[in-house]
Amino acid sequence: MNKRTILLAGGTGTMGRILQQHFVRQGWDVVVLTRHPQHHSAPGVTFLPWDGRTTGAWADELERTDVVVNLAGRSVDCRYTARNKALILNSRVDATQALGQAIERCATPPKLWINLSSATVYRHAEDRAMDEDTGELGNDFSPQVVLAWEKAFFAHARPGVRQVAVRCAMVFSSHGGVFPRFRQLVRMGLGGQHGPGTQYVSWVHEADVAAFFQWLIDTPAAKGILNLASPEPLPERELMRLLRQRLKPLFHFPIASWMLPIGAWSMRTEVELVLKSRRVVPTRALQLGYIFRHPRIGTALDALCAGAQHEQP
């Protein structure tokens, strides 16, 4: 029996590494498209060059690929200058269009194309939860990026190729991304609430990232737009309280709203990433039968903090 092949475009970040490890363990051939293949290596993974904008020799790999996952996009953890905004938008749209053009030219295209999207497409919401059917979209920069990204994705529909756009919440992983930053703030004594603390945090544990993408492959009814977020988002002040319980810092200070722009400037990031209320729930996935490994923040934090302690020398 032939091994199945999955291609991860832009698959060298936190989510990419999670999926690399999962599918290698499942016995898949894993191919990663990256701008710098010479900088990466992992057992069972083949790294191929691409520029994220145009088709090239990598497109031949699609003829032998069962599933394509597009994770490409410039990090949003930066200052939103005009240049960075253009990079954030164009990196997502250009990579999606390049993949779409390559798939359109395939004689035997992949059966499934999953494109990463973002749960930040919904408006700032403290009043109620936002899902795929009843959620209200935002109209500032971040939601507009997501909508342009998804438009480019669905513009390349092809018969026989199932498409899924995954509006993903913050990925909590002990190996990278946002969680180590939360952990660092608590250990530095800055683990009080940030701003009002009433803003909601939508999150997903790394184990559910791997399990969810596997579930998408195994669930033909999953198509269109699906949210990937724990069914229980929580206010930021509650998240910080639970982190303090586990990390036990000697002291903690709340960070007032007026102080956040100063901190964001020094860390070369944006206040929006801290203050926007993301109260997103995965209604469609739950209706289709996905069962979360970590639906509640308590068990997720226990697993993450235990994993981080185990990795310390």
C-alpha atoms as a PDB file:
ATOM      1  CA  MET A   1       0.000   0.000   0.000  1.00  0.00           C
ATOM      2  CA  ASN A   2       1.397   3.395  -1.006  1.00  0.00           C
ATOM      3  CA  LYS A   3       2.101   5.918   1.700  1.00  0.00           C
ATOM      4  CA  ARG A   4      -0.031   9.026   1.629  1.00  0.00           C
ATOM      5  CA  THR A   5       1.627  12.395   1.093  1.00  0.00           C
ATOM      6  CA  ILE A   6       0.849  15.721   2.725  1.00  0.00           C
ATOM      7  CA  LEU A   7       2.358  18.994   1.535  1.00  0.00           C
ATOM      8  CA  LEU A   8       2.713  21.846   4.036  1.00  0.00           C
ATOM      9  CA  ALA A   9       3.244  25.201   2.352  1.00  0.00           C
ATOM     10  CA  GLY A  10       5.024  27.561   4.728  1.00  0.00           C
ATOM     11  CA  GLY A  11       5.142  24.704   7.224  1.00  0.00           C
ATOM     12  CA  THR A  12       8.156  25.683   9.338  1.00  0.00           C
ATOM     13  CA  GLY A  13       6.443  27.737  12.071  1.00  0.00           C
ATOM     14  CA  THR A  14       4.798  26.511  15.254  1.00  0.00           C
ATOM     15  CA  MET A  15       1.757  25.006  13.522  1.00  0.00           C
ATOM     16  CA  GLY A  16       3.911  23.567  10.782  1.00  0.00           C
ATOM     17  CA  ARG A  17       6.158  21.770  13.255  1.00  0.00           C
ATOM     18  CA  ILE A  18       3.123  20.389  15.096  1.00  0.00           C
ATOM     19  CA  LEU A  19       1.747  18.981  11.837  1.00  0.00           C
ATOM     20  CA  GLN A  20       5.133  17.708  10.645  1.00  0.00           C
ATOM     21  CA  GLN A  21       5.566  15.638  13.781  1.00  0.00           C
ATOM     22  CA  HIS A  22       1.990  14.364  13.769  1.00  0.00           C
ATOM     23  CA  PHE A  23       1.951  13.155  10.165  1.00  0.00           C
ATOM     24  CA  VAL A  24       5.432  11.628  10.329  1.00  0.00           C
ATOM     25  CA  ARG A  25       4.213   9.609  13.323  1.00  0.00           C
ATOM     26  CA  GLN A  26       1.160   8.569  11.309  1.00  0.00           C
ATOM     27  CA  GLY A  27       3.404   7.204   8.560  1.00  0.00           C
ATOM     28  CA  TRP A  28       2.771   9.880   5.937  1.00  0.00           C
ATOM     29  CA  ASP A  29       5.329  11.311   3.541  1.00  0.00           C
ATOM     30  CA  VAL A  30       5.642  14.951   4.600  1.00  0.00           C
ATOM     31  CA  VAL A  31       6.797  17.660   2.181  1.00  0.00           C
ATOM     32  CA  VAL A  32       7.346  21.249   3.341  1.00  0.00           C
ATOM     33  CA  LEU A  33       7.632  24.276   1.053  1.00  0.00           C
ATOM     34  CA  THR A  34       9.879  26.959   2.495  1.00  0.00           C
ATOM     35  CA  ARG A  35      11.941  29.885   1.280  1.00  0.00           C
ATOM     36  CA  HIS A  36      15.033  28.516   3.014  1.00  0.00           C
ATOM     37  CA  PRO A  37      15.064  24.707   2.811  1.00  0.00           C
ATOM     38  CA  GLN A  38      18.767  24.637   3.658  1.00  0.00           C
ATOM     39  CA  HIS A  39      17.962  25.966   7.154  1.00  0.00           C
ATOM     40  CA  HIS A  40      15.601  23.133   8.071  1.00  0.00           C
ATOM     41  CA  SER A  41      15.804  19.417   8.679  1.00  0.00           C
ATOM     42  CA  ALA A  42      13.572  16.897  10.429  1.00  0.00           C
ATOM     43  CA  PRO A  43      13.325  13.098  10.310  1.00  0.00           C
ATOM     44  CA  GLY A  44      10.852  11.955   7.684  1.00  0.00           C
ATOM     45  CA  VAL A  45      10.356  15.436   6.196  1.00  0.00           C
ATOM     46  CA  THR A  46      11.423  16.693   2.757  1.00  0.00           C
ATOM     47  CA  PHE A  47      11.996  20.447   2.450  1.00  0.00           C
ATOM     48  CA  LEU A  48      11.591  22.049  -0.981  1.00  0.00           C
ATOM     49  CA  PRO A  49      12.223  25.653  -2.066  1.00  0.00           C
ATOM     50  CA  TRP A  50       9.519  28.091  -3.101  1.00  0.00           C
ATOM     51  CA  ASP A  51       9.183  31.866  -3.057  1.00  0.00           C
ATOM     52  CA  GLY A  52       5.586  31.945  -1.795  1.00  0.00           C
ATOM     53  CA  ARG A  53       4.468  33.947  -4.817  1.00  0.00           C
ATOM     54  CA  THR A  54       4.945  31.997  -8.026  1.00  0.00           C
ATOM     55  CA  THR A  55       4.688  28.443  -9.262  1.00  0.00           C
ATOM     56  CA  GLY A  56       7.912  26.534  -9.776  1.00  0.00           C
ATOM     57  CA  ALA A  57       9.445  23.070  -9.726  1.00  0.00           C
ATOM     58  CA  TRP A  58       7.653  22.414  -6.423  1.00  0.00           C
ATOM     59  CA  ALA A  59       4.345  22.290  -8.302  1.00  0.00           C
ATOM     60  CA  ASP A  60       5.253  18.864  -9.725  1.00  0.00           C
ATOM     61  CA  GLU A  61       4.995  17.501  -6.181  1.00  0.00           C
ATOM     62  CA  LEU A  62       1.249  18.160  -6.218  1.00  0.00           C
ATOM     63  CA  GLU A  63       0.718  15.319  -8.697  1.00  0.00           C
ATOM     64  CA  ARG A  64       1.831  12.923  -5.942  1.00  0.00           C
ATOM     65  CA  THR A  65       0.105  14.702  -3.052  1.00  0.00           C
ATOM     66  CA  ASP A  66      -3.073  13.652  -1.270  1.00  0.00           C
ATOM     67  CA  VAL A  67      -3.523  16.692   0.987  1.00  0.00           C
ATOM     68  CA  VAL A  68      -2.258  20.282   0.724  1.00  0.00           C
ATOM     69  CA  VAL A  69      -2.156  22.493   3.819  1.00  0.00           C
ATOM     70  CA  ASN A  70      -1.300  26.151   3.291  1.00  0.00           C
ATOM     71  CA  LEU A  71       0.121  27.824   6.399  1.00  0.00           C
ATOM     72  CA  ALA A  72       2.081  30.547   4.622  1.00  0.00           C
ATOM     73  CA  GLY A  73       1.905  34.115   5.857  1.00  0.00           C
ATOM     74  CA  ARG A  74       4.067  36.750   7.460  1.00  0.00           C
ATOM     75  CA  SER A  75       3.756  36.846  11.264  1.00  0.00           C
ATOM     76  CA  VAL A  76       1.260  39.385  12.640  1.00  0.00           C
ATOM     77  CA  ASP A  77       3.443  39.811  15.743  1.00  0.00           C
ATOM     78  CA  CYS A  78       4.976  43.066  14.524  1.00  0.00           C
ATOM     79  CA  ARG A  79       4.348  46.790  14.326  1.00  0.00           C
ATOM     80  CA  TYR A  80       1.574  47.578  11.858  1.00  0.00           C
ATOM     81  CA  THR A  81       3.533  49.940   9.655  1.00  0.00           C
ATOM     82  CA  ALA A  82       2.401  50.426   6.075  1.00  0.00           C
ATOM     83  CA  ARG A  83       5.195  48.102   4.919  1.00  0.00           C
ATOM     84  CA  ASN A  84       4.369  45.379   7.417  1.00  0.00           C
ATOM     85  CA  LYS A  85       0.657  45.587   6.632  1.00  0.00           C
ATOM     86  CA  ALA A  86       1.426  45.037   2.963  1.00  0.00           C
ATOM     87  CA  LEU A  87       3.659  42.072   3.805  1.00  0.00           C
ATOM     88  CA  ILE A  88       1.002  40.523   6.066  1.00  0.00           C
ATOM     89  CA  LEU A  89      -1.662  40.802   3.363  1.00  0.00           C
ATOM     90  CA  ASN A  90       0.384  39.974   0.290  1.00  0.00           C
ATOM     91  CA  SER A  91       2.206  37.012   1.809  1.00  0.00           C
ATOM     92  CA  ARG A  92      -1.133  35.305   2.479  1.00  0.00           C
ATOM     93  CA  VAL A  93      -2.885  36.166  -0.760  1.00  0.00           C
ATOM     94  CA  ASP A  94       0.130  35.533  -3.017  1.00  0.00           C
ATOM     95  CA  ALA A  95       0.900  32.108  -1.527  1.00  0.00           C
ATOM     96  CA  THR A  96      -2.743  31.068  -1.800  1.00  0.00           C
ATOM     97  CA  GLN A  97      -2.967  32.177  -5.408  1.00  0.00           C
ATOM     98  CA  ALA A  98       0.269  30.370  -6.313  1.00  0.00           C
ATOM     99  CA  LEU A  99      -1.043  27.131  -4.836  1.00  0.00           C
ATOM    100  CA  GLY A 100      -4.416  27.606  -6.525  1.00  0.00           C
ATOM    101  CA  GLN A 101      -2.808  28.124  -9.927  1.00  0.00           C
ATOM    102  CA  ALA A 102      -0.611  25.046  -9.448  1.00  0.00           C
ATOM    103  CA  ILE A 103      -3.580  22.890  -8.403  1.00  0.00           C
ATOM    104  CA  GLU A 104      -5.599  24.075 -11.404  1.00  0.00           C
ATOM    105  CA  ARG A 105      -2.837  22.778 -13.709  1.00  0.00           C
ATOM    106  CA  CYS A 106      -2.608  19.351 -12.057  1.00  0.00           C
ATOM    107  CA  ALA A 107      -3.586  16.271 -14.035  1.00  0.00           C
ATOM    108  CA  THR A 108      -4.261  14.469 -10.725  1.00  0.00           C
ATOM    109  CA  PRO A 109      -4.838  17.189  -8.125  1.00  0.00           C
ATOM    110  CA  PRO A 110      -4.880  16.623  -4.355  1.00  0.00           C
ATOM    111  CA  LYS A 111      -8.257  15.549  -3.003  1.00  0.00           C
ATOM    112  CA  LEU A 112      -8.150  18.054  -0.135  1.00  0.00           C
ATOM    113  CA  TRP A 113      -6.805  21.591   0.175  1.00  0.00           C
ATOM    114  CA  ILE A 114      -6.820  23.126   3.643  1.00  0.00           C
ATOM    115  CA  ASN A 115      -6.000  26.816   3.912  1.00  0.00           C
ATOM    116  CA  LEU A 116      -5.196  28.447   7.221  1.00  0.00           C
ATOM    117  CA  SER A 117      -7.322  31.460   8.110  1.00  0.00           C
ATOM    118  CA  SER A 118      -7.801  33.379  11.352  1.00  0.00           C
ATOM    119  CA  ALA A 119     -10.406  33.751  14.088  1.00  0.00           C
ATOM    120  CA  THR A 120      -9.551  37.432  14.251  1.00  0.00           C
ATOM    121  CA  VAL A 121     -11.966  37.943  11.336  1.00  0.00           C
ATOM    122  CA  TYR A 122     -14.795  38.475  13.847  1.00  0.00           C
ATOM    123  CA  ARG A 123     -15.461  41.788  15.583  1.00  0.00           C
ATOM    124  CA  HIS A 124     -14.296  42.644  19.088  1.00  0.00           C
ATOM    125  CA  ALA A 125     -16.814  40.674  21.133  1.00  0.00           C
ATOM    126  CA  GLU A 126     -17.320  40.538  24.882  1.00  0.00           C
ATOM    127  CA  ASP A 127     -21.120  40.357  24.711  1.00  0.00           C
ATOM    128  CA  ARG A 128     -21.585  37.021  22.951  1.00  0.00           C
ATOM    129  CA  ALA A 129     -19.787  34.191  21.206  1.00  0.00           C
ATOM    130  CA  MET A 130     -18.994  34.320  17.486  1.00  0.00           C
ATOM    131  CA  ASP A 131     -19.319  31.288  15.226  1.00  0.00           C
ATOM    132  CA  GLU A 132     -19.293  30.581  11.502  1.00  0.00           C
ATOM    133  CA  ASP A 133     -23.034  31.140  11.009  1.00  0.00           C
ATOM    134  CA  THR A 134     -23.930  33.969  13.381  1.00  0.00           C
ATOM    135  CA  GLY A 135     -20.590  35.695  13.964  1.00  0.00           C
ATOM    136  CA  GLU A 136     -20.291  39.367  13.004  1.00  0.00           C
ATOM    137  CA  LEU A 137     -17.241  40.225  10.933  1.00  0.00           C
ATOM    138  CA  GLY A 138     -14.945  43.076  11.861  1.00  0.00           C
ATOM    139  CA  ASN A 139     -14.053  45.934   9.525  1.00  0.00           C
ATOM    140  CA  ASP A 140     -10.549  46.958  10.604  1.00  0.00           C
ATOM    141  CA  PHE A 141      -7.216  45.801   9.186  1.00  0.00           C
ATOM    142  CA  SER A 142      -7.017  42.233  10.515  1.00  0.00           C
ATOM    143  CA  PRO A 143     -10.513  41.108   9.430  1.00  0.00           C
ATOM    144  CA  GLN A 144      -9.975  42.625   5.998  1.00  0.00           C
ATOM    145  CA  VAL A 145      -6.782  40.604   5.599  1.00  0.00           C
ATOM    146  CA  VAL A 146      -8.638  37.414   6.500  1.00  0.00           C
ATOM    147  CA  LEU A 147     -11.471  38.133   4.066  1.00  0.00           C
ATOM    148  CA  ALA A 148      -9.028  38.822   1.217  1.00  0.00           C
ATOM    149  CA  TRP A 149      -7.158  35.627   2.088  1.00  0.00           C
ATOM    150  CA  GLU A 150     -10.322  33.513   2.045  1.00  0.00           C
ATOM    151  CA  LYS A 151     -11.531  35.159  -1.160  1.00  0.00           C
ATOM    152  CA  ALA A 152      -8.302  34.181  -2.914  1.00  0.00           C
ATOM    153  CA  PHE A 153      -8.662  30.636  -1.580  1.00  0.00           C
ATOM    154  CA  PHE A 154     -12.233  29.983  -2.662  1.00  0.00           C
ATOM    155  CA  ALA A 155     -11.636  31.664  -6.030  1.00  0.00           C
ATOM    156  CA  HIS A 156      -9.598  28.574  -6.957  1.00  0.00           C
ATOM    157  CA  ALA A 157     -12.371  26.035  -6.489  1.00  0.00           C
ATOM    158  CA  ARG A 158     -11.921  22.923  -8.628  1.00  0.00           C
ATOM    159  CA  PRO A 159     -14.256  19.930  -8.966  1.00  0.00           C
ATOM    160  CA  GLY A 160     -12.983  16.987  -6.981  1.00  0.00           C
ATOM    161  CA  VAL A 161     -10.863  19.105  -4.633  1.00  0.00           C
ATOM    162  CA  ARG A 162     -12.459  19.592  -1.219  1.00  0.00           C
ATOM    163  CA  GLN A 163     -11.581  22.967   0.309  1.00  0.00           C
ATOM    164  CA  VAL A 164     -11.548  23.917   3.979  1.00  0.00           C
ATOM    165  CA  ALA A 165     -10.604  27.316   5.407  1.00  0.00           C
ATOM    166  CA  VAL A 166      -9.610  26.951   9.075  1.00  0.00           C
ATOM    167  CA  ARG A 167     -10.223  30.108  11.102  1.00  0.00           C
ATOM    168  CA  CYS A 168      -7.727  29.324  13.820  1.00  0.00           C
ATOM    169  CA  ALA A 169      -7.524  30.888  17.284  1.00  0.00           C
ATOM    170  CA  MET A 170      -4.277  31.407  19.225  1.00  0.00           C
ATOM    171  CA  VAL A 171      -2.342  28.145  19.300  1.00  0.00           C
ATOM    172  CA  PHE A 172      -1.105  27.312  22.787  1.00  0.00           C
ATOM    173  CA  SER A 173       2.066  25.270  22.394  1.00  0.00           C
ATOM    174  CA  SER A 174       5.030  24.810  24.700  1.00  0.00           C
ATOM    175  CA  HIS A 175       7.286  24.828  21.622  1.00  0.00           C
ATOM    176  CA  GLY A 176       6.595  28.309  20.264  1.00  0.00           C
ATOM    177  CA  GLY A 177       3.979  30.878  19.387  1.00  0.00           C
ATOM    178  CA  VAL A 178       2.066  32.940  21.927  1.00  0.00           C
ATOM    179  CA  PHE A 179       2.090  30.658  24.976  1.00  0.00           C
ATOM    180  CA  PRO A 180       5.799  31.019  25.868  1.00  0.00           C
ATOM    181  CA  ARG A 181       5.254  34.790  25.833  1.00  0.00           C
ATOM    182  CA  PHE A 182       2.362  34.519  28.294  1.00  0.00           C
ATOM    183  CA  ARG A 183       4.520  32.281  30.481  1.00  0.00           C
ATOM    184  CA  GLN A 184       7.413  34.745  30.353  1.00  0.00           C
ATOM    185  CA  LEU A 185       5.202  37.668  31.372  1.00  0.00           C
ATOM    186  CA  VAL A 186       3.947  35.776  34.413  1.00  0.00           C
ATOM    187  CA  ARG A 187       7.449  34.796  35.501  1.00  0.00           C
ATOM    188  CA  MET A 188       8.597  38.416  35.138  1.00  0.00           C
ATOM    189  CA  GLY A 189       5.849  39.575  37.503  1.00  0.00           C
ATOM    190  CA  LEU A 190       3.757  41.035  34.679  1.00  0.00           C
ATOM    191  CA  GLY A 191       1.096  38.359  34.934  1.00  0.00           C
ATOM    192  CA  GLY A 192      -1.762  40.503  36.106  1.00  0.00           C
ATOM    193  CA  GLN A 193      -4.572  41.415  33.737  1.00  0.00           C
ATOM    194  CA  HIS A 194      -3.656  43.485  30.697  1.00  0.00           C
ATOM    195  CA  GLY A 195      -5.940  46.453  30.211  1.00  0.00           C
ATOM    196  CA  PRO A 196      -9.469  45.773  31.485  1.00  0.00           C
ATOM    197  CA  GLY A 197      -8.949  42.004  31.462  1.00  0.00           C
ATOM    198  CA  THR A 198     -12.523  41.529  30.250  1.00  0.00           C
ATOM    199  CA  GLN A 199     -11.402  40.901  26.679  1.00  0.00           C
ATOM    200  CA  TYR A 200     -11.871  37.264  25.715  1.00  0.00           C
ATOM    201  CA  VAL A 201      -9.062  34.954  24.629  1.00  0.00           C
ATOM    202  CA  SER A 202      -9.852  32.262  22.082  1.00  0.00           C
ATOM    203  CA  TRP A 203      -7.267  29.513  22.111  1.00  0.00           C
ATOM    204  CA  VAL A 204      -6.563  25.952  21.017  1.00  0.00           C
ATOM    205  CA  HIS A 205      -4.117  23.438  22.482  1.00  0.00           C
ATOM    206  CA  GLU A 206      -1.408  22.059  20.194  1.00  0.00           C
ATOM    207  CA  ALA A 207      -2.766  18.514  20.551  1.00  0.00           C
ATOM    208  CA  ASP A 208      -6.045  19.698  19.045  1.00  0.00           C
ATOM    209  CA  VAL A 209      -4.232  21.315  16.124  1.00  0.00           C
ATOM    210  CA  ALA A 210      -2.831  17.938  15.095  1.00  0.00           C
ATOM    211  CA  ALA A 211      -6.034  16.045  15.862  1.00  0.00           C
ATOM    212  CA  PHE A 212      -8.243  18.608  14.094  1.00  0.00           C
ATOM    213  CA  PHE A 213      -6.292  18.533  10.827  1.00  0.00           C
ATOM    214  CA  GLN A 214      -6.306  14.738  10.904  1.00  0.00           C
ATOM    215  CA  TRP A 215     -10.070  14.851  11.537  1.00  0.00           C
ATOM    216  CA  LEU A 216     -10.568  17.169   8.562  1.00  0.00           C
ATOM    217  CA  ILE A 217      -8.820  14.636   6.348  1.00  0.00           C
ATOM    218  CA  ASP A 218     -10.982  11.815   7.681  1.00  0.00           C
ATOM    219  CA  THR A 219     -14.299  13.725   7.540  1.00  0.00           C
ATOM    220  CA  PRO A 220     -15.563  14.282   3.974  1.00  0.00           C
ATOM    221  CA  ALA A 221     -18.474  16.403   5.252  1.00  0.00           C
ATOM    222  CA  ALA A 222     -16.039  19.004   6.571  1.00  0.00           C
ATOM    223  CA  LYS A 223     -15.803  21.722   3.943  1.00  0.00           C
ATOM    224  CA  GLY A 224     -16.034  25.488   3.625  1.00  0.00           C
ATOM    225  CA  ILE A 225     -15.211  27.620   6.674  1.00  0.00           C
ATOM    226  CA  LEU A 226     -14.619  26.039  10.092  1.00  0.00           C
ATOM    227  CA  ASN A 227     -13.454  27.661  13.303  1.00  0.00           C
ATOM    228  CA  LEU A 228     -10.623  25.958  15.188  1.00  0.00           C
ATOM    229  CA  ALA A 229     -10.880  27.165  18.772  1.00  0.00           C
ATOM    230  CA  SER A 230     -11.651  25.636  22.131  1.00  0.00           C
ATOM    231  CA  PRO A 231     -15.411  25.716  22.794  1.00  0.00           C
ATOM    232  CA  GLU A 232     -14.662  27.622  26.024  1.00  0.00           C
ATOM    233  CA  PRO A 233     -12.935  30.978  25.430  1.00  0.00           C
ATOM    234  CA  LEU A 234     -12.331  32.943  28.616  1.00  0.00           C
ATOM    235  CA  PRO A 235     -11.624  36.504  29.810  1.00  0.00           C
ATOM    236  CA  GLU A 236      -7.955  37.422  29.783  1.00  0.00           C
ATOM    237  CA  ARG A 237      -7.839  38.174  33.510  1.00  0.00           C
ATOM    238  CA  GLU A 238      -9.055  34.629  34.202  1.00  0.00           C
ATOM    239  CA  LEU A 239      -6.389  33.181  31.913  1.00  0.00           C
ATOM    240  CA  MET A 240      -3.688  35.131  33.739  1.00  0.00           C
ATOM    241  CA  ARG A 241      -5.046  34.025  37.136  1.00  0.00           C
ATOM    242  CA  LEU A 242      -4.916  30.385  36.111  1.00  0.00           C
ATOM    243  CA  LEU A 243      -1.394  30.792  34.783  1.00  0.00           C
ATOM    244  CA  ARG A 244      -0.272  32.382  38.052  1.00  0.00           C
ATOM    245  CA  GLN A 245      -1.734  29.428  39.968  1.00  0.00           C
ATOM    246  CA  ARG A 246       0.471  27.059  38.003  1.00  0.00           C
ATOM    247  CA  LEU A 247       3.654  29.101  37.641  1.00  0.00           C
ATOM    248  CA  LYS A 248       3.544  30.631  41.158  1.00  0.00           C
ATOM    249  CA  PRO A 249       5.420  33.920  40.603  1.00  0.00           C
ATOM    250  CA  LEU A 250       6.554  35.791  43.700  1.00  0.00           C
ATOM    251  CA  PHE A 251       4.505  38.848  42.685  1.00  0.00           C
ATOM    252  CA  HIS A 252       2.384  40.165  39.857  1.00  0.00           C
ATOM    253  CA  PHE A 253       1.297  43.533  38.565  1.00  0.00           C
ATOM    254  CA  PRO A 254      -1.688  44.405  36.382  1.00  0.00           C
ATOM    255  CA  ILE A 255      -0.849  46.397  33.262  1.00  0.00           C
ATOM    256  CA  ALA A 256      -3.079  49.429  32.760  1.00  0.00           C
ATOM    257  CA  SER A 257      -4.446  50.169  29.305  1.00  0.00           C
ATOM    258  CA  TRP A 258      -2.390  53.372  29.008  1.00  0.00           C
ATOM    259  CA  MET A 259       0.820  51.394  29.578  1.00  0.00           C
ATOM    260  CA  LEU A 260       0.192  48.828  26.856  1.00  0.00           C
ATOM    261  CA  PRO A 261       1.193  51.004  23.855  1.00  0.00           C
ATOM    262  CA  ILE A 262       4.555  51.604  25.528  1.00  0.00           C
ATOM    263  CA  GLY A 263       5.088  47.903  26.110  1.00  0.00           C
ATOM    264  CA  ALA A 264       3.911  47.017  22.618  1.00  0.00           C
ATOM    265  CA  TRP A 265       6.282  49.555  21.100  1.00  0.00           C
ATOM    266  CA  SER A 266       9.246  48.184  23.072  1.00  0.00           C
ATOM    267  CA  MET A 267       8.360  44.623  22.045  1.00  0.00           C
ATOM    268  CA  ARG A 268       7.776  45.725  18.436  1.00  0.00           C
ATOM    269  CA  THR A 269       4.223  44.422  18.365  1.00  0.00           C
ATOM    270  CA  GLU A 270       0.644  45.784  18.385  1.00  0.00           C
ATOM    271  CA  VAL A 271      -1.749  46.466  21.266  1.00  0.00           C
ATOM    272  CA  GLU A 272      -4.555  44.860  19.253  1.00  0.00           C
ATOM    273  CA  LEU A 273      -2.988  41.442  19.810  1.00  0.00           C
ATOM    274  CA  VAL A 274      -3.599  41.874  23.558  1.00  0.00           C
ATOM    275  CA  LEU A 275      -6.758  43.970  23.770  1.00  0.00           C
ATOM    276  CA  LYS A 276      -8.982  42.649  20.989  1.00  0.00           C
ATOM    277  CA  SER A 277     -11.677  40.400  22.443  1.00  0.00           C
ATOM    278  CA  ARG A 278     -11.838  37.135  20.499  1.00  0.00           C
ATOM    279  CA  ARG A 279     -14.822  35.141  21.731  1.00  0.00           C
ATOM    280  CA  VAL A 280     -14.897  32.482  19.036  1.00  0.00           C
ATOM    281  CA  VAL A 281     -16.530  29.046  19.223  1.00  0.00           C
ATOM    282  CA  PRO A 282     -16.265  26.052  16.823  1.00  0.00           C
ATOM    283  CA  THR A 283     -19.958  25.374  16.170  1.00  0.00           C
ATOM    284  CA  ARG A 284     -19.573  23.631  12.815  1.00  0.00           C
ATOM    285  CA  ALA A 285     -16.811  21.295  13.991  1.00  0.00           C
ATOM    286  CA  LEU A 286     -18.849  20.297  17.040  1.00  0.00           C
ATOM    287  CA  GLN A 287     -21.914  19.678  14.878  1.00  0.00           C
ATOM    288  CA  LEU A 288     -19.844  17.448  12.596  1.00  0.00           C
ATOM    289  CA  GLY A 289     -18.607  15.434  15.559  1.00  0.00           C
ATOM    290  CA  TYR A 290     -15.133  16.711  16.394  1.00  0.00           C
ATOM    291  CA  ILE A 291     -14.243  15.968  20.032  1.00  0.00           C
ATOM    292  CA  PHE A 292     -11.677  18.292  21.586  1.00  0.00           C
ATOM    293  CA  ARG A 293      -8.755  16.774  23.470  1.00  0.00           C
ATOM    294  CA  HIS A 294      -8.503  19.918  25.579  1.00  0.00           C
ATOM    295  CA  PRO A 295     -11.862  21.747  25.603  1.00  0.00           C
ATOM    296  CA  ARG A 296     -11.128  23.492  28.929  1.00  0.00           C
ATOM    297  CA  ILE A 297      -8.265  25.789  29.779  1.00  0.00           C
ATOM    298  CA  GLY A 298      -7.387  24.110  33.081  1.00  0.00           C
ATOM    299  CA  THR A 299      -6.321  20.773  31.643  1.00  0.00           C
ATOM    300  CA  ALA A 300      -4.662  22.512  28.688  1.00  0.00           C
ATOM    301  CA  LEU A 301      -2.503  24.660  30.992  1.00  0.00           C
ATOM    302  CA  ASP A 302      -1.649  21.647  33.132  1.00  0.00           C
ATOM    303  CA  ALA A 303      -0.376  19.795  30.065  1.00  0.00           C
ATOM    304  CA  LEU A 304       1.530  22.793  28.701  1.00  0.00           C
ATOM    305  CA  CYS A 305       3.195  23.713  31.994  1.00  0.00           C
ATOM    306  CA  ALA A 306       4.125  20.087  32.673  1.00  0.00           C
ATOM    307  CA  GLY A 307       5.635  19.819  29.214  1.00  0.00           C
ATOM    308  CA  ALA A 308       7.638  23.002  29.668  1.00  0.00           C
ATOM    309  CA  GLN A 309       9.002  21.814  33.030  1.00  0.00           C
ATOM    310  CA  HIS A 310       9.959  18.467  31.542  1.00  0.00           C
ATOM    311  CA  GLU A 311      12.004  20.211  28.839  1.00  0.00           C
ATOM    312  CA  GLN A 312      14.009  22.318  31.326  1.00  0.00           C
ATOM    313  CA  PRO A 313      17.524  21.027  32.062  1.00  0.00           C
END
